[in-house]
Amino acid sequence: MVLKMLFFLWLSCLFSLLHIAHGERSYSFPEEMKRGSIIGNIAKDLGMHTGMLSIRRARIETEGSDQHYCDINVRNGELIVAERIDREGLCGKKPSCILRQELVLEDPLELHRISIHIQDINDNSPEFKGAKIDLEIQESTYKGARFVIEEARDADVGQNSVQQYSLEK
């Protein structure tokens, strides 16, 4: 009986020393937002009192990177943009751009995973490879004839990339 109680005591001590990781919170916001823009209120979403954030030295860390994209305002619990995010620079042509962050709380150590989906905005203009396109059109060409030209490129993805274009007089 005493051995069983010691085992449970040892097991409970072991679990108290380990950090606690909670479920993932998700946010979504458009790229290129100004520094200090509000993404959401992490304290409210976690049901925490904002006073606990400073007491427990809350901070945001990016998984697998030293880059600091988001921060937390410990006075009001708001998750904010720490620096402008260029979606194309971060994720290239990938259709989905997700930043993995963690809210770290100390005493006791507690981790909350945060996924931030960076939405593409139409911030890049389509460009042709060269500044000039030469076409040779013969006099005998019929009205309405179509000519193939090189496709314009756009760094944006999805609905913000080049959909169609036409040349006019």
N, C-alpha and C. Protein backbone atom coordinates (compact mmCIF):
# COMPACT_ATOMS: atom_id res chain seq x y z
N MET A 1 0.82 -1.19 0.00
CA MET A 1 0.00 0.00 0.00
C MET A 1 0.86 1.25 0.00
N VAL A 2 1.88 1.28 0.87
CA VAL A 2 2.77 2.43 0.96
C VAL A 2 3.54 2.59 -0.35
N LEU A 3 3.95 1.46 -0.94
CA LEU A 3 4.67 1.48 -2.21
C LEU A 3 3.81 2.08 -3.32
N LYS A 4 2.55 1.72 -3.31
CA LYS A 4 1.61 2.23 -4.31
C LYS A 4 1.44 3.74 -4.16
N MET A 5 1.34 4.22 -2.92
CA MET A 5 1.19 5.65 -2.68
C MET A 5 2.45 6.41 -3.08
N LEU A 6 3.62 5.84 -2.81
CA LEU A 6 4.88 6.47 -3.20
C LEU A 6 4.99 6.55 -4.73
N PHE A 7 4.56 5.49 -5.37
CA PHE A 7 4.59 5.48 -6.84
C PHE A 7 3.70 6.58 -7.40
N PHE A 8 2.48 6.73 -6.90
CA PHE A 8 1.58 7.78 -7.37
C PHE A 8 2.12 9.18 -7.04
N LEU A 9 2.75 9.33 -5.89
CA LEU A 9 3.36 10.60 -5.52
C LEU A 9 4.50 10.92 -6.48
N TRP A 10 5.34 9.94 -6.77
CA TRP A 10 6.45 10.12 -7.71
C TRP A 10 5.93 10.47 -9.10
N LEU A 11 4.88 9.78 -9.54
CA LEU A 11 4.28 10.02 -10.85
C LEU A 11 3.69 11.43 -10.94
N SER A 12 3.01 11.87 -9.89
CA SER A 12 2.43 13.22 -9.90
C SER A 12 3.53 14.29 -9.90
N CYS A 13 4.62 14.05 -9.20
CA CYS A 13 5.76 14.99 -9.21
C CYS A 13 6.37 15.06 -10.61
N LEU A 14 6.51 13.92 -11.24
CA LEU A 14 7.07 13.87 -12.58
C LEU A 14 6.22 14.69 -13.55
N PHE A 15 4.92 14.53 -13.51
CA PHE A 15 4.03 15.27 -14.39
C PHE A 15 4.02 16.76 -14.08
N SER A 16 4.20 17.12 -12.84
CA SER A 16 4.23 18.55 -12.51
C SER A 16 5.50 19.22 -13.02
N LEU A 17 6.58 18.44 -13.18
CA LEU A 17 7.82 19.00 -13.69
C LEU A 17 7.78 19.17 -15.22
N LEU A 18 7.00 18.37 -15.86
CA LEU A 18 6.89 18.47 -17.32
C LEU A 18 6.04 19.66 -17.69
N HIS A 19 6.31 20.24 -18.86
CA HIS A 19 5.49 21.37 -19.30
C HIS A 19 4.14 20.88 -19.79
N ILE A 20 3.20 21.79 -19.80
CA ILE A 20 1.86 21.47 -20.23
C ILE A 20 1.63 22.13 -21.57
N ALA A 21 1.25 21.36 -22.59
CA ALA A 21 0.95 21.91 -23.91
C ALA A 21 -0.55 21.79 -24.14
N HIS A 22 -1.15 22.87 -24.54
CA HIS A 22 -2.59 22.90 -24.75
C HIS A 22 -2.91 22.88 -26.25
N GLY A 23 -4.19 22.85 -26.57
CA GLY A 23 -4.64 22.83 -27.96
C GLY A 23 -4.18 24.04 -28.75
N GLU A 24 -4.36 23.94 -30.05
CA GLU A 24 -3.89 24.97 -30.96
C GLU A 24 -4.95 26.05 -31.19
N ARG A 25 -4.54 27.29 -31.21
CA ARG A 25 -5.40 28.43 -31.56
C ARG A 25 -5.04 28.87 -32.96
N SER A 26 -6.03 29.24 -33.75
CA SER A 26 -5.78 29.66 -35.13
C SER A 26 -6.26 31.08 -35.36
N TYR A 27 -5.46 31.82 -36.09
CA TYR A 27 -5.80 33.18 -36.50
C TYR A 27 -5.47 33.32 -37.97
N SER A 28 -6.09 34.31 -38.59
CA SER A 28 -5.86 34.56 -40.01
C SER A 28 -5.87 36.06 -40.24
N PHE A 29 -4.87 36.54 -40.98
CA PHE A 29 -4.84 37.97 -41.30
C PHE A 29 -4.08 38.18 -42.60
N PRO A 30 -4.35 39.30 -43.29
CA PRO A 30 -3.68 39.56 -44.56
C PRO A 30 -2.22 39.98 -44.39
N GLU A 31 -1.42 39.61 -45.37
CA GLU A 31 -0.01 40.01 -45.35
C GLU A 31 0.11 41.54 -45.41
N GLU A 32 1.30 42.02 -45.14
CA GLU A 32 1.65 43.45 -45.23
C GLU A 32 0.94 44.35 -44.22
N MET A 33 0.35 43.77 -43.16
CA MET A 33 -0.26 44.61 -42.13
C MET A 33 0.84 45.37 -41.40
N LYS A 34 0.52 46.59 -40.98
CA LYS A 34 1.49 47.44 -40.29
C LYS A 34 1.89 46.84 -38.94
N ARG A 35 3.09 47.16 -38.54
CA ARG A 35 3.59 46.76 -37.22
C ARG A 35 2.65 47.31 -36.15
N GLY A 36 2.27 46.47 -35.20
CA GLY A 36 1.37 46.88 -34.13
C GLY A 36 -0.09 46.57 -34.42
N SER A 37 -0.40 46.12 -35.65
CA SER A 37 -1.79 45.76 -35.98
C SER A 37 -2.23 44.58 -35.14
N ILE A 38 -3.50 44.58 -34.76
CA ILE A 38 -4.03 43.54 -33.88
C ILE A 38 -4.49 42.33 -34.69
N ILE A 39 -4.02 41.17 -34.30
CA ILE A 39 -4.41 39.90 -34.94
C ILE A 39 -5.59 39.30 -34.20
N GLY A 40 -5.56 39.35 -32.89
CA GLY A 40 -6.63 38.80 -32.05
C GLY A 40 -6.26 38.99 -30.59
N ASN A 41 -7.15 38.55 -29.72
CA ASN A 41 -6.88 38.66 -28.29
C ASN A 41 -6.68 37.27 -27.72
N ILE A 42 -5.42 36.89 -27.57
CA ILE A 42 -5.07 35.54 -27.12
C ILE A 42 -5.51 35.29 -25.68
N ALA A 43 -5.44 36.29 -24.82
CA ALA A 43 -5.87 36.11 -23.43
C ALA A 43 -7.36 35.80 -23.37
N LYS A 44 -8.15 36.55 -24.11
CA LYS A 44 -9.59 36.33 -24.15
C LYS A 44 -9.91 34.95 -24.73
N ASP A 45 -9.21 34.59 -25.81
CA ASP A 45 -9.46 33.30 -26.45
C ASP A 45 -9.08 32.12 -25.57
N LEU A 46 -8.12 32.32 -24.68
CA LEU A 46 -7.71 31.26 -23.76
C LEU A 46 -8.44 31.33 -22.42
N GLY A 47 -9.25 32.37 -22.23
CA GLY A 47 -9.98 32.54 -20.98
C GLY A 47 -9.07 32.93 -19.83
N MET A 48 -8.03 33.70 -20.13
CA MET A 48 -7.07 34.10 -19.09
C MET A 48 -7.30 35.56 -18.69
N HIS A 49 -6.96 35.88 -17.47
CA HIS A 49 -6.96 37.26 -17.02
C HIS A 49 -5.68 37.90 -17.55
N THR A 50 -5.79 39.13 -18.07
CA THR A 50 -4.62 39.77 -18.66
C THR A 50 -3.50 40.02 -17.66
N GLY A 51 -3.82 40.20 -16.40
CA GLY A 51 -2.80 40.40 -15.37
C GLY A 51 -1.86 39.22 -15.25
N MET A 52 -2.34 38.03 -15.56
CA MET A 52 -1.52 36.82 -15.46
C MET A 52 -0.43 36.80 -16.52
N LEU A 53 -0.65 37.48 -17.64
CA LEU A 53 0.32 37.45 -18.74
C LEU A 53 1.65 38.06 -18.33
N SER A 54 1.61 39.19 -17.63
CA SER A 54 2.88 39.81 -17.20
C SER A 54 3.47 39.06 -16.02
N ILE A 55 2.64 38.60 -15.11
CA ILE A 55 3.12 37.84 -13.95
C ILE A 55 3.84 36.57 -14.41
N ARG A 56 3.30 35.91 -15.43
CA ARG A 56 3.87 34.65 -15.91
C ARG A 56 4.83 34.86 -17.08
N ARG A 57 5.24 36.09 -17.32
CA ARG A 57 6.21 36.45 -18.35
C ARG A 57 5.87 35.84 -19.71
N ALA A 58 4.66 36.15 -20.17
CA ALA A 58 4.18 35.62 -21.45
C ALA A 58 5.02 36.16 -22.60
N ARG A 59 5.29 35.28 -23.56
CA ARG A 59 6.01 35.70 -24.76
C ARG A 59 5.60 34.79 -25.93
N ILE A 60 5.82 35.30 -27.12
CA ILE A 60 5.50 34.55 -28.34
C ILE A 60 6.80 34.12 -28.99
N GLU A 61 6.90 32.87 -29.36
CA GLU A 61 8.08 32.34 -30.05
C GLU A 61 7.64 31.67 -31.34
N THR A 62 8.47 31.82 -32.37
CA THR A 62 8.21 31.20 -33.67
C THR A 62 8.91 29.86 -33.71
N GLU A 63 8.18 28.82 -34.06
CA GLU A 63 8.76 27.49 -34.13
C GLU A 63 9.76 27.41 -35.27
N GLY A 64 10.96 26.93 -34.98
CA GLY A 64 11.97 26.70 -36.00
C GLY A 64 12.57 27.94 -36.63
N SER A 65 12.46 29.10 -35.97
CA SER A 65 12.98 30.33 -36.55
C SER A 65 13.33 31.33 -35.46
N ASP A 66 14.33 32.15 -35.77
CA ASP A 66 14.67 33.26 -34.86
C ASP A 66 13.89 34.50 -35.22
N GLN A 67 13.19 34.46 -36.36
CA GLN A 67 12.40 35.60 -36.83
C GLN A 67 11.24 35.84 -35.88
N HIS A 68 10.96 37.09 -35.60
CA HIS A 68 9.93 37.46 -34.64
C HIS A 68 8.80 38.18 -35.38
N TYR A 69 7.78 37.44 -35.81
CA TYR A 69 6.69 38.01 -36.61
C TYR A 69 5.56 38.57 -35.77
N CYS A 70 5.30 37.96 -34.62
CA CYS A 70 4.17 38.37 -33.76
C CYS A 70 4.68 38.61 -32.35
N ASP A 71 3.88 39.37 -31.61
CA ASP A 71 4.21 39.66 -30.22
C ASP A 71 2.92 39.69 -29.43
N ILE A 72 3.03 39.76 -28.13
CA ILE A 72 1.83 39.85 -27.29
C ILE A 72 1.93 41.10 -26.42
N ASN A 73 0.84 41.81 -26.34
CA ASN A 73 0.74 42.95 -25.44
C ASN A 73 0.27 42.38 -24.11
N VAL A 74 1.16 42.30 -23.13
CA VAL A 74 0.83 41.66 -21.86
C VAL A 74 -0.16 42.46 -21.03
N ARG A 75 -0.35 43.74 -21.36
CA ARG A 75 -1.32 44.56 -20.61
C ARG A 75 -2.76 44.22 -20.98
N ASN A 76 -3.01 43.91 -22.29
CA ASN A 76 -4.40 43.66 -22.70
C ASN A 76 -4.61 42.30 -23.39
N GLY A 77 -3.53 41.53 -23.59
CA GLY A 77 -3.66 40.19 -24.16
C GLY A 77 -3.75 40.13 -25.68
N GLU A 78 -3.54 41.27 -26.35
CA GLU A 78 -3.66 41.28 -27.80
C GLU A 78 -2.42 40.69 -28.47
N LEU A 79 -2.68 39.85 -29.46
CA LEU A 79 -1.64 39.30 -30.31
C LEU A 79 -1.46 40.31 -31.43
N ILE A 80 -0.23 40.82 -31.60
CA ILE A 80 -0.01 41.90 -32.56
C ILE A 80 1.10 41.54 -33.56
N VAL A 81 1.10 42.25 -34.68
CA VAL A 81 2.13 42.08 -35.70
C VAL A 81 3.40 42.76 -35.20
N ALA A 82 4.50 42.01 -35.13
CA ALA A 82 5.77 42.56 -34.67
C ALA A 82 6.54 43.19 -35.83
N GLU A 83 6.37 42.65 -37.03
CA GLU A 83 6.98 43.22 -38.22
C GLU A 83 6.15 42.81 -39.43
N ARG A 84 6.18 43.65 -40.46
CA ARG A 84 5.40 43.36 -41.67
C ARG A 84 5.79 42.01 -42.23
N ILE A 85 4.79 41.29 -42.71
CA ILE A 85 5.02 39.96 -43.26
C ILE A 85 4.71 39.98 -44.75
N ASP A 86 5.72 39.61 -45.55
CA ASP A 86 5.53 39.46 -46.99
C ASP A 86 5.27 37.98 -47.24
N ARG A 87 4.05 37.66 -47.60
CA ARG A 87 3.64 36.27 -47.77
C ARG A 87 4.48 35.56 -48.82
N GLU A 88 4.72 36.23 -49.94
CA GLU A 88 5.49 35.61 -51.02
C GLU A 88 6.94 35.37 -50.59
N GLY A 89 7.51 36.29 -49.81
CA GLY A 89 8.87 36.11 -49.30
C GLY A 89 8.95 34.99 -48.29
N LEU A 90 7.90 34.80 -47.53
CA LEU A 90 7.87 33.78 -46.49
C LEU A 90 7.55 32.39 -47.04
N CYS A 91 6.55 32.32 -47.93
CA CYS A 91 6.06 31.01 -48.38
C CYS A 91 6.15 30.78 -49.89
N GLY A 92 6.59 31.78 -50.64
CA GLY A 92 6.71 31.61 -52.09
C GLY A 92 5.36 31.36 -52.75
N LYS A 93 5.31 30.38 -53.62
CA LYS A 93 4.10 30.07 -54.39
C LYS A 93 3.20 29.03 -53.71
N LYS A 94 3.55 28.62 -52.50
CA LYS A 94 2.71 27.64 -51.81
C LYS A 94 1.29 28.20 -51.65
N PRO A 95 0.27 27.40 -51.89
CA PRO A 95 -1.10 27.90 -51.78
C PRO A 95 -1.51 28.28 -50.36
N SER A 96 -0.88 27.67 -49.37
CA SER A 96 -1.21 27.97 -47.97
C SER A 96 0.06 28.44 -47.26
N CYS A 97 -0.08 29.51 -46.48
CA CYS A 97 1.08 30.06 -45.75
C CYS A 97 0.71 30.14 -44.28
N ILE A 98 1.28 29.25 -43.49
CA ILE A 98 0.95 29.19 -42.07
C ILE A 98 2.20 29.35 -41.22
N LEU A 99 2.14 30.29 -40.30
CA LEU A 99 3.21 30.49 -39.32
C LEU A 99 2.85 29.72 -38.06
N ARG A 100 3.77 28.98 -37.54
CA ARG A 100 3.55 28.26 -36.29
C ARG A 100 4.22 29.05 -35.16
N GLN A 101 3.45 29.43 -34.17
CA GLN A 101 3.93 30.21 -33.04
C GLN A 101 3.56 29.48 -31.75
N GLU A 102 4.21 29.87 -30.68
CA GLU A 102 3.84 29.35 -29.37
C GLU A 102 3.76 30.50 -28.37
N LEU A 103 2.72 30.47 -27.57
CA LEU A 103 2.61 31.37 -26.43
C LEU A 103 3.25 30.62 -25.27
N VAL A 104 4.29 31.20 -24.71
CA VAL A 104 5.02 30.57 -23.60
C VAL A 104 4.68 31.32 -22.33
N LEU A 105 4.22 30.59 -21.33
CA LEU A 105 3.94 31.13 -20.00
C LEU A 105 4.85 30.42 -19.01
N GLU A 106 5.37 31.15 -18.04
CA GLU A 106 6.28 30.57 -17.05
C GLU A 106 5.60 30.45 -15.68
N ASP A 107 6.19 29.64 -14.85
CA ASP A 107 5.79 29.45 -13.44
C ASP A 107 4.32 29.09 -13.25
N PRO A 108 3.86 27.94 -13.55
CA PRO A 108 4.56 26.83 -14.17
C PRO A 108 4.62 27.00 -15.69
N LEU A 109 5.56 26.30 -16.32
CA LEU A 109 5.74 26.37 -17.76
C LEU A 109 4.49 25.83 -18.47
N GLU A 110 3.99 26.61 -19.39
CA GLU A 110 2.77 26.24 -20.12
C GLU A 110 2.93 26.74 -21.55
N LEU A 111 2.61 25.89 -22.52
CA LEU A 111 2.73 26.24 -23.94
C LEU A 111 1.37 26.18 -24.61
N HIS A 112 1.11 27.17 -25.45
CA HIS A 112 -0.11 27.18 -26.25
C HIS A 112 0.31 27.38 -27.70
N ARG A 113 -0.04 26.41 -28.55
CA ARG A 113 0.31 26.52 -29.96
C ARG A 113 -0.62 27.49 -30.66
N ILE A 114 -0.04 28.27 -31.57
CA ILE A 114 -0.80 29.25 -32.34
C ILE A 114 -0.45 29.08 -33.81
N SER A 115 -1.46 28.89 -34.64
CA SER A 115 -1.28 28.83 -36.10
C SER A 115 -1.81 30.12 -36.69
N ILE A 116 -0.97 30.76 -37.48
CA ILE A 116 -1.38 32.01 -38.12
C ILE A 116 -1.34 31.83 -39.62
N HIS A 117 -2.51 31.93 -40.23
CA HIS A 117 -2.63 31.80 -41.67
C HIS A 117 -2.45 33.19 -42.29
N ILE A 118 -1.42 33.33 -43.12
CA ILE A 118 -1.14 34.61 -43.76
C ILE A 118 -1.87 34.63 -45.10
N GLN A 119 -2.83 35.54 -45.23
CA GLN A 119 -3.63 35.64 -46.46
C GLN A 119 -2.91 36.50 -47.48
N ASP A 120 -3.01 36.10 -48.74
CA ASP A 120 -2.40 36.85 -49.83
C ASP A 120 -3.24 38.08 -50.15
N ILE A 121 -2.57 39.20 -50.40
CA ILE A 121 -3.26 40.37 -50.93
C ILE A 121 -2.65 40.65 -52.30
N ASN A 122 -3.34 41.40 -53.11
CA ASN A 122 -2.85 41.68 -54.46
C ASN A 122 -1.84 42.83 -54.40
N ASP A 123 -0.61 42.50 -53.96
CA ASP A 123 0.41 43.52 -53.77
C ASP A 123 1.54 43.46 -54.80
N ASN A 124 1.41 42.60 -55.79
CA ASN A 124 2.43 42.49 -56.84
C ASN A 124 1.78 42.69 -58.20
N SER A 125 2.42 43.45 -59.05
CA SER A 125 1.91 43.68 -60.40
C SER A 125 2.42 42.60 -61.34
N PRO A 126 1.58 42.19 -62.30
CA PRO A 126 2.06 41.24 -63.31
C PRO A 126 3.16 41.87 -64.14
N GLU A 127 4.12 41.08 -64.55
CA GLU A 127 5.23 41.57 -65.36
C GLU A 127 5.52 40.61 -66.49
N PHE A 128 5.89 41.16 -67.63
CA PHE A 128 6.36 40.35 -68.75
C PHE A 128 7.88 40.23 -68.62
N LYS A 129 8.43 39.21 -69.25
CA LYS A 129 9.86 38.97 -69.15
C LYS A 129 10.67 40.16 -69.66
N GLY A 130 10.28 40.70 -70.79
CA GLY A 130 10.97 41.85 -71.36
C GLY A 130 10.10 43.09 -71.30
N ALA A 131 10.73 44.25 -71.47
CA ALA A 131 9.97 45.50 -71.45
C ALA A 131 9.23 45.72 -72.77
N LYS A 132 9.63 44.99 -73.81
CA LYS A 132 9.07 45.18 -75.14
C LYS A 132 8.77 43.82 -75.76
N ILE A 133 7.62 43.72 -76.43
CA ILE A 133 7.24 42.50 -77.14
C ILE A 133 7.10 42.85 -78.61
N ASP A 134 7.88 42.19 -79.45
CA ASP A 134 7.81 42.43 -80.90
C ASP A 134 6.96 41.36 -81.54
N LEU A 135 5.97 41.79 -82.33
CA LEU A 135 5.13 40.87 -83.11
C LEU A 135 5.21 41.28 -84.58
N GLU A 136 5.34 40.30 -85.42
CA GLU A 136 5.33 40.57 -86.85
C GLU A 136 3.97 40.13 -87.38
N ILE A 137 3.18 41.11 -87.82
CA ILE A 137 1.83 40.82 -88.30
C ILE A 137 1.78 41.17 -89.79
N GLN A 138 1.48 40.17 -90.59
CA GLN A 138 1.45 40.39 -92.04
C GLN A 138 0.18 41.15 -92.44
N GLU A 139 0.29 41.84 -93.55
CA GLU A 139 -0.82 42.66 -94.05
C GLU A 139 -2.04 41.79 -94.37
N SER A 140 -1.80 40.56 -94.74
CA SER A 140 -2.89 39.67 -95.15
C SER A 140 -3.58 38.98 -93.96
N THR A 141 -3.17 39.27 -92.77
CA THR A 141 -3.76 38.65 -91.58
C THR A 141 -5.21 39.09 -91.44
N TYR A 142 -6.09 38.11 -91.18
CA TYR A 142 -7.51 38.42 -91.08
C TYR A 142 -7.84 39.09 -89.74
N LYS A 143 -8.93 39.85 -89.76
CA LYS A 143 -9.38 40.56 -88.57
C LYS A 143 -9.78 39.55 -87.48
N GLY A 144 -9.37 39.80 -86.25
CA GLY A 144 -9.70 38.91 -85.14
C GLY A 144 -8.69 37.80 -84.94
N ALA A 145 -7.61 37.82 -85.72
CA ALA A 145 -6.57 36.78 -85.57
C ALA A 145 -5.94 36.89 -84.17
N ARG A 146 -5.52 35.77 -83.63
CA ARG A 146 -4.92 35.73 -82.30
C ARG A 146 -3.45 35.39 -82.42
N PHE A 147 -2.67 35.96 -81.53
CA PHE A 147 -1.23 35.74 -81.52
C PHE A 147 -0.80 35.33 -80.12
N VAL A 148 0.09 34.38 -80.06
CA VAL A 148 0.58 33.88 -78.78
C VAL A 148 1.74 34.77 -78.33
N ILE A 149 1.64 35.25 -77.11
CA ILE A 149 2.74 35.98 -76.50
C ILE A 149 3.10 35.30 -75.19
N GLU A 150 4.28 35.62 -74.71
CA GLU A 150 4.72 35.03 -73.44
C GLU A 150 3.80 35.48 -72.31
N GLU A 151 3.57 34.59 -71.40
CA GLU A 151 2.68 34.86 -70.27
C GLU A 151 3.31 35.84 -69.27
N ALA A 152 2.48 36.70 -68.73
CA ALA A 152 2.93 37.60 -67.66
C ALA A 152 3.08 36.80 -66.37
N ARG A 153 4.02 37.17 -65.54
CA ARG A 153 4.27 36.51 -64.25
C ARG A 153 3.83 37.42 -63.12
N ASP A 154 3.33 36.79 -62.05
CA ASP A 154 2.87 37.55 -60.89
C ASP A 154 3.29 36.77 -59.65
N ALA A 155 3.91 37.44 -58.70
CA ALA A 155 4.37 36.77 -57.47
C ALA A 155 3.21 36.38 -56.55
N ASP A 156 2.04 37.03 -56.71
CA ASP A 156 0.89 36.68 -55.89
C ASP A 156 0.37 35.29 -56.27
N VAL A 157 -0.43 34.69 -55.38
CA VAL A 157 -0.96 33.35 -55.63
C VAL A 157 -2.48 33.36 -55.65
N GLY A 158 -3.05 32.28 -56.15
CA GLY A 158 -4.51 32.11 -56.14
C GLY A 158 -5.23 33.18 -56.93
N GLN A 159 -6.30 33.70 -56.36
CA GLN A 159 -7.13 34.68 -57.06
C GLN A 159 -6.41 36.00 -57.29
N ASN A 160 -5.29 36.24 -56.61
CA ASN A 160 -4.55 37.48 -56.80
C ASN A 160 -3.46 37.38 -57.86
N SER A 161 -3.25 36.16 -58.39
CA SER A 161 -2.27 36.02 -59.46
C SER A 161 -2.92 36.41 -60.79
N VAL A 162 -2.14 36.37 -61.86
CA VAL A 162 -2.67 36.75 -63.17
C VAL A 162 -3.78 35.77 -63.55
N GLN A 163 -4.96 36.29 -63.81
CA GLN A 163 -6.09 35.46 -64.25
C GLN A 163 -6.25 35.55 -65.76
N GLN A 164 -6.23 36.77 -66.26
CA GLN A 164 -6.30 37.00 -67.70
C GLN A 164 -5.89 38.43 -67.97
N TYR A 165 -5.53 38.71 -69.19
CA TYR A 165 -5.22 40.06 -69.60
C TYR A 165 -5.46 40.18 -71.09
N SER A 166 -5.60 41.39 -71.56
CA SER A 166 -5.77 41.63 -72.99
C SER A 166 -5.02 42.91 -73.35
N LEU A 167 -4.61 42.97 -74.60
CA LEU A 167 -3.92 44.15 -75.11
C LEU A 167 -4.91 44.99 -75.89
N GLU A 168 -4.82 46.26 -75.67
CA GLU A 168 -5.74 47.17 -76.36
C GLU A 168 -4.95 48.23 -77.09
N LYS A 169 -5.65 48.97 -77.96
CA LYS A 169 -5.00 50.02 -78.74
C LYS A 169 -4.34 51.03 -77.84
